[in-house]
Amino acid sequence: MGTFAFLLAPFVASLILTGIHAYLGVHVVERGVIFVDLSLAQIAALGTTIAALYSIEPHSTTAYVISLLFTFIGAAVFSTIRGRRARIPQEAIIGICYAVASAAAILAMSKSVEQTEHLKEMLVGNILTVSWFEVGKTAALYGAIGLFHFIFRRKFLLISMDPEAAEAQGINTRLWDFLFYASFGFVVTSSVAIAGVLLVFCYLIVPSVAAMLYAENIGPRLAIGWTMGTLVSAVGVYLSLVIDLPTGATIVCTFALVLILMAVVRLFVSKRAGKPQMAVKA
């Protein structure tokens, strides 16, 4: 009973992360900006690092606001470089932002030896120690963002899947891109504080990629992604406690193993049925 009570808050936090990130992952995969979450997460972590450098508690409201401002800057940059007519691919800018944010965080940490543990926490997080207050606050924020996306789901989905059609309908794609990335920034900033950069990236991408192996429509993809995220979260949190391993890294590796297993099953089923494998969209 004691173990169950201890694991309950981290597990619920994992479910919350799964719910919002599996949905946003559908958009990210369709847009072809796979590393945008990793980049925004690192930019958010840089904001927290800068706050820590000035002796601001990393988990304080002030640090959160600073981190959020950094992600808004990233959102503004990413929303202005969207489009097939752009001279520079969007993914190239996203990669550059990630590399610069990572290097800047390392430079900042080099000036504060006592904050080196913070750099490790940014990467792998420590979801096992999440409090119920953090769980409730995160659930309320993600619920509001989820409602925002549900209300304007037609615009967001159309822009993600067929930006030319969206422009033909007179939709201001740059404005809605900024709103997408800004709302994404809210999610990432909160997620990084709880789970770390690597785990946030896995929650976004891995369930969506796994779902694409078995489904083409949005509804089935979300169902598969949410199911996978829930099972992996439960197994990862439990294994981290039993084997005494870092929780974030354990969940990341569990995601990888389950994805490989799903890919193998998909390949086996396709061969048995004599059907061609489902192509993954670029």
Protein backbone atom coordinates (compact mmCIF):
# COMPACT_ATOMS: atom_id res chain seq x y z
CA MET A 1 0.00 0.00 0.00
CA GLY A 2 2.90 2.34 0.82
CA THR A 3 4.55 1.70 -2.55
CA PHE A 4 1.27 2.27 -4.39
CA ALA A 5 0.70 5.58 -2.61
CA PHE A 6 4.28 6.67 -3.38
CA LEU A 7 3.97 5.85 -7.08
CA LEU A 8 0.48 7.25 -7.57
CA ALA A 9 1.43 10.93 -7.98
CA PRO A 10 4.24 10.23 -10.51
CA PHE A 11 1.95 7.90 -12.44
CA VAL A 12 -0.87 10.47 -12.60
CA ALA A 13 1.67 13.09 -13.72
CA SER A 14 2.78 10.68 -16.46
CA LEU A 15 -0.82 10.26 -17.60
CA ILE A 16 -1.23 14.04 -17.82
CA LEU A 17 1.94 14.32 -19.88
CA THR A 18 0.75 11.49 -22.12
CA GLY A 19 -2.63 13.13 -22.71
CA ILE A 20 -1.39 16.48 -23.98
CA HIS A 21 1.86 15.38 -25.63
CA ALA A 22 0.36 12.52 -27.64
CA TYR A 23 -2.08 15.03 -29.16
CA LEU A 24 0.58 17.66 -29.86
CA GLY A 25 2.79 14.93 -31.27
CA VAL A 26 0.25 14.30 -34.04
CA HIS A 27 0.67 17.92 -35.15
CA VAL A 28 4.45 17.82 -34.86
CA VAL A 29 4.77 14.65 -36.95
CA GLU A 30 2.37 15.97 -39.61
CA ARG A 31 4.26 19.27 -39.78
CA GLY A 32 7.55 17.43 -40.14
CA VAL A 33 9.18 19.40 -37.31
CA ILE A 34 10.13 16.39 -35.21
CA PHE A 35 12.65 18.17 -33.04
CA VAL A 36 10.60 21.26 -32.25
CA ASP A 37 9.65 19.87 -28.84
CA LEU A 38 13.25 19.05 -28.01
CA SER A 39 14.29 22.54 -29.11
CA LEU A 40 11.54 24.36 -27.19
CA ALA A 41 12.21 22.18 -24.16
CA GLN A 42 15.89 23.10 -24.25
CA ILE A 43 15.04 26.78 -24.70
CA ALA A 44 12.73 26.54 -21.67
CA ALA A 45 15.51 24.82 -19.72
CA LEU A 46 17.88 27.63 -20.71
CA GLY A 47 15.48 30.16 -19.23
CA THR A 48 15.40 28.23 -15.96
CA THR A 49 19.20 27.95 -16.03
CA ILE A 50 19.59 31.70 -16.43
CA ALA A 51 17.22 32.20 -13.50
CA ALA A 52 19.24 29.75 -11.38
CA LEU A 53 22.43 31.62 -12.30
CA TYR A 54 20.97 34.69 -10.59
CA SER A 55 20.12 32.66 -7.46
CA ILE A 56 16.45 32.27 -8.34
CA GLU A 57 14.95 28.98 -7.16
CA PRO A 58 14.54 26.79 -10.30
CA HIS A 59 11.03 25.67 -9.28
CA SER A 60 9.80 29.14 -8.28
CA THR A 61 7.16 31.18 -10.09
CA THR A 62 9.78 33.72 -11.16
CA ALA A 63 11.91 31.02 -12.80
CA TYR A 64 8.82 29.64 -14.53
CA VAL A 65 7.92 33.06 -15.97
CA ILE A 66 11.48 33.59 -17.23
CA SER A 67 11.47 30.13 -18.81
CA LEU A 68 8.11 30.84 -20.41
CA LEU A 69 9.38 34.11 -21.91
CA PHE A 70 12.26 32.20 -23.49
CA THR A 71 9.86 29.71 -25.07
CA PHE A 72 7.70 32.55 -26.44
CA ILE A 73 10.79 33.91 -28.20
CA GLY A 74 11.35 30.47 -29.69
CA ALA A 75 7.68 30.27 -30.70
CA ALA A 76 7.95 33.62 -32.48
CA VAL A 77 11.03 32.45 -34.38
CA PHE A 78 9.51 29.12 -35.43
CA SER A 79 6.23 30.69 -36.57
CA THR A 80 8.01 33.12 -38.91
CA ILE A 81 10.05 30.51 -40.80
CA ARG A 82 7.16 28.20 -41.73
CA GLY A 83 6.39 27.59 -45.39
CA ARG A 84 7.52 25.66 -48.41
CA ARG A 85 8.78 28.86 -50.04
CA ALA A 86 11.23 29.56 -47.20
CA ARG A 87 14.87 29.63 -48.30
CA ILE A 88 16.00 27.87 -45.11
CA PRO A 89 14.24 24.67 -43.95
CA GLN A 90 12.36 25.09 -40.69
CA GLU A 91 13.95 21.98 -39.22
CA ALA A 92 17.41 23.53 -39.74
CA ILE A 93 16.47 26.59 -37.67
CA ILE A 94 14.94 24.35 -35.00
CA GLY A 95 18.16 22.32 -34.82
CA ILE A 96 20.29 25.45 -34.57
CA CYS A 97 18.10 26.80 -31.75
CA TYR A 98 18.46 23.53 -29.87
CA ALA A 99 22.24 23.46 -30.24
CA VAL A 100 22.65 27.10 -29.20
CA ALA A 101 20.28 26.75 -26.23
CA SER A 102 22.13 23.62 -25.06
CA ALA A 103 25.53 25.28 -25.38
CA ALA A 104 24.31 28.43 -23.63
CA ALA A 105 22.93 26.36 -20.73
CA ILE A 106 26.29 24.59 -20.36
CA LEU A 107 28.13 27.93 -20.38
CA ALA A 108 25.77 29.32 -17.77
CA MET A 109 26.24 26.26 -15.56
CA SER A 110 30.02 26.54 -15.85
CA LYS A 111 29.75 29.78 -13.88
CA SER A 112 27.86 28.11 -11.06
CA VAL A 113 29.45 24.88 -9.87
CA GLU A 114 26.78 24.25 -7.24
CA GLN A 115 24.10 24.22 -9.96
CA THR A 116 25.54 21.27 -11.91
CA GLU A 117 22.86 19.00 -10.43
CA HIS A 118 20.28 21.32 -12.02
CA LEU A 119 21.76 20.58 -15.47
CA LYS A 120 21.28 16.85 -14.92
CA GLU A 121 17.72 17.42 -13.71
CA MET A 122 16.92 19.43 -16.85
CA LEU A 123 17.89 16.48 -19.02
CA VAL A 124 16.34 13.52 -17.21
CA GLY A 125 14.01 15.22 -14.72
CA ASN A 126 12.85 13.69 -11.46
CA ILE A 127 9.20 12.84 -11.98
CA LEU A 128 9.31 10.36 -9.09
CA THR A 129 9.35 13.23 -6.58
CA VAL A 130 6.50 15.23 -8.13
CA SER A 131 4.00 16.55 -5.57
CA TRP A 132 0.22 16.44 -5.75
CA PHE A 133 0.19 20.24 -5.87
CA GLU A 134 2.34 20.16 -9.02
CA VAL A 135 0.11 17.45 -10.49
CA GLY A 136 -3.03 19.52 -9.88
CA LYS A 137 -1.48 22.73 -11.23
CA THR A 138 -0.21 20.96 -14.35
CA ALA A 139 -3.56 19.26 -14.93
CA ALA A 140 -5.39 22.60 -14.75
CA LEU A 141 -2.96 24.27 -17.17
CA TYR A 142 -3.00 21.41 -19.67
CA GLY A 143 -6.77 21.20 -19.42
CA ALA A 144 -7.04 24.87 -20.41
CA ILE A 145 -4.62 24.39 -23.31
CA GLY A 146 -6.46 21.24 -24.39
CA LEU A 147 -9.76 23.17 -24.39
CA PHE A 148 -8.15 25.92 -26.49
CA HIS A 149 -6.97 23.37 -29.05
CA PHE A 150 -10.33 21.62 -29.05
CA ILE A 151 -12.20 24.85 -29.78
CA PHE A 152 -9.89 25.73 -32.67
CA ARG A 153 -9.05 22.15 -33.68
CA ARG A 154 -10.18 22.59 -37.30
CA LYS A 155 -7.74 25.43 -37.91
CA PHE A 156 -4.85 23.73 -36.14
CA LEU A 157 -5.39 20.40 -37.91
CA LEU A 158 -5.84 22.01 -41.33
CA ILE A 159 -2.66 24.06 -40.95
CA SER A 160 -0.71 21.02 -39.77
CA MET A 161 -1.96 18.67 -42.49
CA ASP A 162 -2.62 20.96 -45.45
CA PRO A 163 -1.11 24.44 -45.00
CA GLU A 164 -1.77 25.35 -48.65
CA ALA A 165 -5.50 24.72 -48.22
CA ALA A 166 -5.44 26.76 -45.01
CA GLU A 167 -3.89 29.72 -46.83
CA ALA A 168 -6.40 29.32 -49.67
CA GLN A 169 -9.19 29.68 -47.11
CA GLY A 170 -7.72 32.97 -45.92
CA ILE A 171 -6.39 31.66 -42.60
CA ASN A 172 -3.46 33.66 -41.24
CA THR A 173 -1.09 30.69 -40.92
CA ARG A 174 1.70 32.66 -39.25
CA LEU A 175 -0.62 33.94 -36.52
CA TRP A 176 -2.03 30.48 -35.87
CA ASP A 177 1.44 28.96 -36.02
CA PHE A 178 2.51 31.38 -33.30
CA LEU A 179 -0.55 30.47 -31.21
CA PHE A 180 0.28 26.80 -31.70
CA TYR A 181 3.90 27.17 -30.67
CA ALA A 182 3.03 29.56 -27.81
CA SER A 183 0.55 27.06 -26.36
CA PHE A 184 3.17 24.41 -26.99
CA GLY A 185 5.57 26.59 -24.99
CA PHE A 186 3.25 26.59 -21.98
CA VAL A 187 3.14 22.79 -22.09
CA VAL A 188 6.87 22.33 -22.59
CA THR A 189 7.86 24.80 -19.87
CA SER A 190 5.73 22.97 -17.32
CA SER A 191 6.73 19.52 -18.57
CA VAL A 192 10.47 20.19 -18.43
CA ALA A 193 10.18 21.29 -14.80
CA ILE A 194 8.56 17.95 -13.97
CA ALA A 195 10.06 15.41 -16.34
CA GLY A 196 13.16 16.88 -18.01
CA VAL A 197 14.01 17.51 -21.66
CA LEU A 198 14.54 13.91 -22.81
CA LEU A 199 11.35 12.50 -21.32
CA VAL A 200 9.26 15.39 -22.66
CA PHE A 201 10.59 14.67 -26.15
CA CYS A 202 9.74 10.96 -25.85
CA TYR A 203 6.19 11.65 -24.65
CA LEU A 204 5.67 13.86 -27.68
CA ILE A 205 7.21 11.81 -30.48
CA VAL A 206 7.29 8.11 -29.58
CA PRO A 207 3.51 7.53 -29.09
CA SER A 208 2.76 9.37 -32.34
CA VAL A 209 5.35 7.41 -34.31
CA ALA A 210 4.09 4.12 -32.83
CA ALA A 211 0.51 5.06 -33.70
CA MET A 212 1.48 5.79 -37.31
CA LEU A 213 2.56 2.16 -37.65
CA TYR A 214 -1.03 1.02 -37.15
CA ALA A 215 -3.35 3.87 -38.11
CA GLU A 216 -3.70 6.73 -40.58
CA ASN A 217 -6.63 8.68 -39.09
CA ILE A 218 -6.29 11.07 -36.16
CA GLY A 219 -8.77 9.31 -33.84
CA PRO A 220 -7.13 5.87 -33.91
CA ARG A 221 -3.68 7.45 -33.67
CA LEU A 222 -4.64 9.29 -30.49
CA ALA A 223 -6.16 6.13 -29.00
CA ILE A 224 -3.02 4.12 -29.71
CA GLY A 225 -0.72 6.91 -28.51
CA TRP A 226 -2.62 7.41 -25.26
CA THR A 227 -2.73 3.67 -24.58
CA MET A 228 0.98 3.25 -25.23
CA GLY A 229 1.88 6.27 -23.10
CA THR A 230 -0.22 5.00 -20.20
CA LEU A 231 1.28 1.49 -20.24
CA VAL A 232 4.86 2.72 -20.67
CA SER A 233 4.43 5.25 -17.86
CA ALA A 234 3.16 2.59 -15.46
CA VAL A 235 5.94 0.13 -16.31
CA GLY A 236 8.68 2.78 -16.36
CA VAL A 237 7.74 4.33 -13.01
CA TYR A 238 7.48 0.90 -11.37
CA LEU A 239 10.79 -0.37 -12.78
CA SER A 240 12.63 2.78 -11.73
CA LEU A 241 11.55 2.21 -8.15
CA VAL A 242 12.17 -1.55 -8.09
CA ILE A 243 15.58 -1.46 -9.81
CA ASP A 244 16.51 1.90 -8.22
CA LEU A 245 17.17 3.77 -11.47
CA PRO A 246 16.51 7.40 -12.53
CA THR A 247 12.81 7.52 -13.38
CA GLY A 248 13.02 9.76 -16.45
CA ALA A 249 15.76 7.74 -18.10
CA THR A 250 13.94 4.48 -17.28
CA ILE A 251 10.73 5.66 -18.94
CA VAL A 252 12.69 6.85 -22.01
CA CYS A 253 14.32 3.43 -22.44
CA THR A 254 10.97 1.70 -21.85
CA PHE A 255 9.46 3.85 -24.62
CA ALA A 256 12.24 2.72 -26.95
CA LEU A 257 11.76 -0.98 -26.15
CA VAL A 258 7.99 -0.82 -26.60
CA LEU A 259 8.36 1.07 -29.89
CA ILE A 260 10.75 -1.60 -31.19
CA LEU A 261 8.34 -4.32 -30.09
CA MET A 262 5.40 -2.61 -31.83
CA ALA A 263 7.45 -2.22 -35.01
CA VAL A 264 8.39 -5.90 -34.98
CA VAL A 265 4.76 -6.93 -34.42
CA ARG A 266 3.67 -4.64 -37.26
CA LEU A 267 6.25 -6.19 -39.59
CA PHE A 268 5.23 -9.72 -38.61
CA VAL A 269 1.51 -9.02 -39.05
CA SER A 270 2.13 -7.37 -42.44
CA LYS A 271 4.07 -10.38 -43.70
CA ARG A 272 1.48 -12.85 -42.42
CA ALA A 273 -1.31 -10.88 -44.10
CA GLY A 274 0.69 -10.46 -47.30
CA LYS A 275 0.14 -6.72 -47.23
CA PRO A 276 2.68 -3.97 -47.89
CA GLN A 277 3.93 -2.10 -44.85
CA MET A 278 2.31 1.20 -44.07
CA ALA A 279 4.42 4.06 -45.31
CA VAL A 280 5.32 6.70 -42.77
CA LYS A 281 4.75 10.24 -44.00
CA ALA A 282 7.75 12.50 -44.11
